[in-house]
Amino acid sequence: MDDNLRREIILDNYQEPFHKGLIDDNSYCKVNTNSESCIDNLDFIMKISNGIIEDIRFDGEACAISTSASSILIRKLIGMRIDDAKDLLKNYKNMINEKDYDEDVLGELNVYNEISKQPNRKNCALLPNVAIEKLLGEMENGK
């Protein structure tokens, strides 16, 4: 991917993130996630209906990588079946950790395919992934 396009996608999703801002609704499950190495401290909420992710929202303070990754992940995940969402999250995590992954599944998330060149940014890119995996786990366990 062209470096200018990469920067533009990340910057757009940082400056105008998709679904930023929480809502007060008891039908959503909520988790907090934060980074030990950065300012990142984000709350995520998710609503699932009939095995499909109906909505995800986030809010808090975070760097450009965490905020943009949250925005892009959320946009991709809304409307997905849980199994497909888990597959996307696994592929994304594999890409960040330099393991085999399916780039076709990731779409715009491929902007982070070189994040491993900056190892300290890997946690930033994975923060929303960790939160959403935790939400899915809690919702499957009925919490």
C-alpha atoms as a PDB file:
ATOM      1  CA  MET A   1       0.000   0.000   0.000  1.00  0.00           C
ATOM      2  CA  ASP A   2       1.191   3.483  -0.853  1.00  0.00           C
ATOM      3  CA  ASP A   3       2.536   5.327   2.215  1.00  0.00           C
ATOM      4  CA  ASN A   4       0.522   8.467   1.467  1.00  0.00           C
ATOM      5  CA  LEU A   5      -2.719   6.490   1.261  1.00  0.00           C
ATOM      6  CA  ARG A   6      -1.802   4.666   4.469  1.00  0.00           C
ATOM      7  CA  ARG A   7      -1.261   7.970   6.296  1.00  0.00           C
ATOM      8  CA  GLU A   8      -4.470   9.424   4.882  1.00  0.00           C
ATOM      9  CA  ILE A   9      -6.603   6.455   6.021  1.00  0.00           C
ATOM     10  CA  ILE A  10      -5.080   6.478   9.508  1.00  0.00           C
ATOM     11  CA  LEU A  11      -5.388  10.249   9.861  1.00  0.00           C
ATOM     12  CA  ASP A  12      -8.997  10.328   8.604  1.00  0.00           C
ATOM     13  CA  ASN A  13     -10.017   7.626  11.076  1.00  0.00           C
ATOM     14  CA  TYR A  14      -8.162   9.413  13.888  1.00  0.00           C
ATOM     15  CA  GLN A  15      -9.631  12.848  13.213  1.00  0.00           C
ATOM     16  CA  GLU A  16     -13.176  11.644  12.497  1.00  0.00           C
ATOM     17  CA  PRO A  17     -13.478   8.182  14.051  1.00  0.00           C
ATOM     18  CA  PHE A  18     -16.466   6.001  13.256  1.00  0.00           C
ATOM     19  CA  HIS A  19     -18.821   5.356  16.192  1.00  0.00           C
ATOM     20  CA  LYS A  20     -16.864   7.327  18.759  1.00  0.00           C
ATOM     21  CA  GLY A  21     -18.996   8.219  21.743  1.00  0.00           C
ATOM     22  CA  LEU A  22     -20.787   5.917  24.144  1.00  0.00           C
ATOM     23  CA  ILE A  23     -24.526   5.681  24.672  1.00  0.00           C
ATOM     24  CA  ASP A  24     -26.353   4.766  27.868  1.00  0.00           C
ATOM     25  CA  ASP A  25     -28.179   1.541  27.029  1.00  0.00           C
ATOM     26  CA  ASN A  26     -28.306  -1.576  29.215  1.00  0.00           C
ATOM     27  CA  SER A  27     -28.541  -3.865  26.177  1.00  0.00           C
ATOM     28  CA  TYR A  28     -24.840  -3.201  25.496  1.00  0.00           C
ATOM     29  CA  CYS A  29     -21.922  -4.965  27.177  1.00  0.00           C
ATOM     30  CA  LYS A  30     -19.009  -2.719  28.205  1.00  0.00           C
ATOM     31  CA  VAL A  31     -15.262  -3.174  28.736  1.00  0.00           C
ATOM     32  CA  ASN A  32     -12.336  -0.878  29.372  1.00  0.00           C
ATOM     33  CA  THR A  33      -8.906  -1.407  27.909  1.00  0.00           C
ATOM     34  CA  ASN A  34      -5.714   0.553  28.353  1.00  0.00           C
ATOM     35  CA  SER A  35      -2.063   0.462  27.479  1.00  0.00           C
ATOM     36  CA  GLU A  36       0.827   0.307  29.902  1.00  0.00           C
ATOM     37  CA  SER A  37       3.126   2.016  27.402  1.00  0.00           C
ATOM     38  CA  CYS A  38       0.913   4.792  26.003  1.00  0.00           C
ATOM     39  CA  ILE A  39      -1.926   7.182  26.901  1.00  0.00           C
ATOM     40  CA  ASP A  40      -4.481   4.773  25.468  1.00  0.00           C
ATOM     41  CA  ASN A  41      -7.479   4.264  27.756  1.00  0.00           C
ATOM     42  CA  LEU A  42     -10.640   3.306  25.882  1.00  0.00           C
ATOM     43  CA  ASP A  43     -14.109   2.063  26.776  1.00  0.00           C
ATOM     44  CA  PHE A  44     -15.918  -0.134  24.266  1.00  0.00           C
ATOM     45  CA  ILE A  45     -19.584  -1.135  24.204  1.00  0.00           C
ATOM     46  CA  MET A  46     -21.167  -3.766  21.974  1.00  0.00           C
ATOM     47  CA  LYS A  47     -24.645  -4.978  21.174  1.00  0.00           C
ATOM     48  CA  ILE A  48     -25.296  -8.353  19.545  1.00  0.00           C
ATOM     49  CA  SER A  49     -28.691  -9.505  18.278  1.00  0.00           C
ATOM     50  CA  ASN A  50     -29.397 -12.957  16.840  1.00  0.00           C
ATOM     51  CA  GLY A  51     -25.689 -13.762  16.534  1.00  0.00           C
ATOM     52  CA  ILE A  52     -24.914 -10.589  14.571  1.00  0.00           C
ATOM     53  CA  ILE A  53     -22.943  -7.589  15.822  1.00  0.00           C
ATOM     54  CA  GLU A  54     -25.517  -4.827  15.737  1.00  0.00           C
ATOM     55  CA  ASP A  55     -23.410  -2.015  17.151  1.00  0.00           C
ATOM     56  CA  ILE A  56     -20.023  -1.206  18.666  1.00  0.00           C
ATOM     57  CA  ARG A  57     -19.008   2.168  20.050  1.00  0.00           C
ATOM     58  CA  PHE A  58     -15.908   3.458  21.823  1.00  0.00           C
ATOM     59  CA  ASP A  59     -14.675   6.497  23.688  1.00  0.00           C
ATOM     60  CA  GLY A  60     -11.714   7.660  25.712  1.00  0.00           C
ATOM     61  CA  GLU A  61      -8.238   9.020  25.185  1.00  0.00           C
ATOM     62  CA  ALA A  62      -5.904   7.304  22.747  1.00  0.00           C
ATOM     63  CA  CYS A  63      -3.156   7.855  20.221  1.00  0.00           C
ATOM     64  CA  ALA A  64      -3.736   8.014  16.470  1.00  0.00           C
ATOM     65  CA  ILE A  65      -3.033   4.299  15.967  1.00  0.00           C
ATOM     66  CA  SER A  66      -5.442   3.047  18.664  1.00  0.00           C
ATOM     67  CA  THR A  67      -8.169   5.494  17.672  1.00  0.00           C
ATOM     68  CA  SER A  68      -7.916   4.820  13.948  1.00  0.00           C
ATOM     69  CA  ALA A  69      -7.670   1.039  14.445  1.00  0.00           C
ATOM     70  CA  SER A  70     -10.783   1.183  16.661  1.00  0.00           C
ATOM     71  CA  SER A  71     -12.659   3.146  14.015  1.00  0.00           C
ATOM     72  CA  ILE A  72     -11.731   0.834  11.146  1.00  0.00           C
ATOM     73  CA  LEU A  73     -12.315  -2.370  13.134  1.00  0.00           C
ATOM     74  CA  ILE A  74     -15.736  -1.201  14.286  1.00  0.00           C
ATOM     75  CA  ARG A  75     -16.779  -0.224  10.780  1.00  0.00           C
ATOM     76  CA  LYS A  76     -15.761  -3.670   9.508  1.00  0.00           C
ATOM     77  CA  LEU A  77     -17.373  -5.605  12.366  1.00  0.00           C
ATOM     78  CA  ILE A  78     -20.836  -4.047  12.516  1.00  0.00           C
ATOM     79  CA  GLY A  79     -23.240  -6.362  10.725  1.00  0.00           C
ATOM     80  CA  MET A  80     -20.953  -9.407  10.942  1.00  0.00           C
ATOM     81  CA  ARG A  81     -21.870 -12.776  12.360  1.00  0.00           C
ATOM     82  CA  ILE A  82     -19.872 -13.631  15.481  1.00  0.00           C
ATOM     83  CA  ASP A  83     -17.824 -16.388  13.786  1.00  0.00           C
ATOM     84  CA  ASP A  84     -16.885 -14.078  10.919  1.00  0.00           C
ATOM     85  CA  ALA A  85     -15.950 -11.362  13.421  1.00  0.00           C
ATOM     86  CA  LYS A  86     -13.684 -13.781  15.289  1.00  0.00           C
ATOM     87  CA  ASP A  87     -12.021 -14.722  12.004  1.00  0.00           C
ATOM     88  CA  LEU A  88     -11.420 -11.049  11.183  1.00  0.00           C
ATOM     89  CA  LEU A  89      -9.981 -10.390  14.651  1.00  0.00           C
ATOM     90  CA  LYS A  90      -7.699 -13.447  14.397  1.00  0.00           C
ATOM     91  CA  ASN A  91      -6.415 -12.368  10.976  1.00  0.00           C
ATOM     92  CA  TYR A  92      -5.835  -8.821  12.215  1.00  0.00           C
ATOM     93  CA  LYS A  93      -3.919 -10.038  15.275  1.00  0.00           C
ATOM     94  CA  ASN A  94      -1.856 -12.373  13.103  1.00  0.00           C
ATOM     95  CA  MET A  95      -0.978  -9.531  10.739  1.00  0.00           C
ATOM     96  CA  ILE A  96       0.156  -7.284  13.596  1.00  0.00           C
ATOM     97  CA  ASN A  97       2.193 -10.140  15.086  1.00  0.00           C
ATOM     98  CA  GLU A  98       3.780 -11.009  11.704  1.00  0.00           C
ATOM     99  CA  LYS A  99       2.062 -14.382  11.367  1.00  0.00           C
ATOM    100  CA  ASP A 100       0.144 -15.808   8.406  1.00  0.00           C
ATOM    101  CA  TYR A 101      -3.094 -13.948   7.683  1.00  0.00           C
ATOM    102  CA  ASP A 102      -5.624 -13.420   4.912  1.00  0.00           C
ATOM    103  CA  GLU A 103      -5.239  -9.839   3.697  1.00  0.00           C
ATOM    104  CA  ASP A 104      -8.500 -10.097   1.708  1.00  0.00           C
ATOM    105  CA  VAL A 105     -10.444 -10.489   4.960  1.00  0.00           C
ATOM    106  CA  LEU A 106      -8.900  -7.339   6.443  1.00  0.00           C
ATOM    107  CA  GLY A 107      -9.609  -4.766   3.742  1.00  0.00           C
ATOM    108  CA  GLU A 108      -8.729  -1.295   5.025  1.00  0.00           C
ATOM    109  CA  LEU A 109      -7.119  -2.784   8.156  1.00  0.00           C
ATOM    110  CA  ASN A 110      -4.155  -3.655   5.924  1.00  0.00           C
ATOM    111  CA  VAL A 111      -2.925  -0.096   6.581  1.00  0.00           C
ATOM    112  CA  TYR A 112      -1.327  -1.566   9.721  1.00  0.00           C
ATOM    113  CA  ASN A 113       0.563  -4.316   7.882  1.00  0.00           C
ATOM    114  CA  GLU A 114       3.909  -2.624   8.549  1.00  0.00           C
ATOM    115  CA  ILE A 115       3.263  -1.659  12.173  1.00  0.00           C
ATOM    116  CA  SER A 116       5.745  -4.323  13.282  1.00  0.00           C
ATOM    117  CA  LYS A 117       8.505  -1.986  12.057  1.00  0.00           C
ATOM    118  CA  GLN A 118       7.593   0.081  15.128  1.00  0.00           C
ATOM    119  CA  PRO A 119       7.280  -2.587  17.841  1.00  0.00           C
ATOM    120  CA  ASN A 120       6.119  -0.078  20.463  1.00  0.00           C
ATOM    121  CA  ARG A 121       3.050   0.671  18.270  1.00  0.00           C
ATOM    122  CA  LYS A 122       1.904  -2.962  18.066  1.00  0.00           C
ATOM    123  CA  ASN A 123       0.106  -2.671  21.409  1.00  0.00           C
ATOM    124  CA  CYS A 124      -1.643   0.473  20.197  1.00  0.00           C
ATOM    125  CA  ALA A 125      -2.874  -1.298  17.067  1.00  0.00           C
ATOM    126  CA  LEU A 126      -4.003  -4.351  19.056  1.00  0.00           C
ATOM    127  CA  LEU A 127      -5.813  -2.491  21.848  1.00  0.00           C
ATOM    128  CA  PRO A 128      -9.236  -2.413  20.130  1.00  0.00           C
ATOM    129  CA  ASN A 129      -8.801  -6.032  19.067  1.00  0.00           C
ATOM    130  CA  VAL A 130      -8.228  -7.063  22.698  1.00  0.00           C
ATOM    131  CA  ALA A 131     -11.296  -5.128  23.859  1.00  0.00           C
ATOM    132  CA  ILE A 132     -13.593  -6.553  21.194  1.00  0.00           C
ATOM    133  CA  GLU A 133     -12.374 -10.113  21.807  1.00  0.00           C
ATOM    134  CA  LYS A 134     -13.097  -9.597  25.508  1.00  0.00           C
ATOM    135  CA  LEU A 135     -16.576  -8.249  24.735  1.00  0.00           C
ATOM    136  CA  LEU A 136     -17.358 -11.211  22.503  1.00  0.00           C
ATOM    137  CA  GLY A 137     -16.148 -13.605  25.200  1.00  0.00           C
ATOM    138  CA  GLU A 138     -18.222 -11.953  27.909  1.00  0.00           C
ATOM    139  CA  MET A 139     -21.331 -11.859  25.754  1.00  0.00           C
ATOM    140  CA  GLU A 140     -20.963 -15.522  24.820  1.00  0.00           C
ATOM    141  CA  ASN A 141     -20.641 -16.386  28.509  1.00  0.00           C
ATOM    142  CA  GLY A 142     -23.768 -14.390  29.348  1.00  0.00           C
ATOM    143  CA  LYS A 143     -22.147 -11.588  31.315  1.00  0.00           C
END
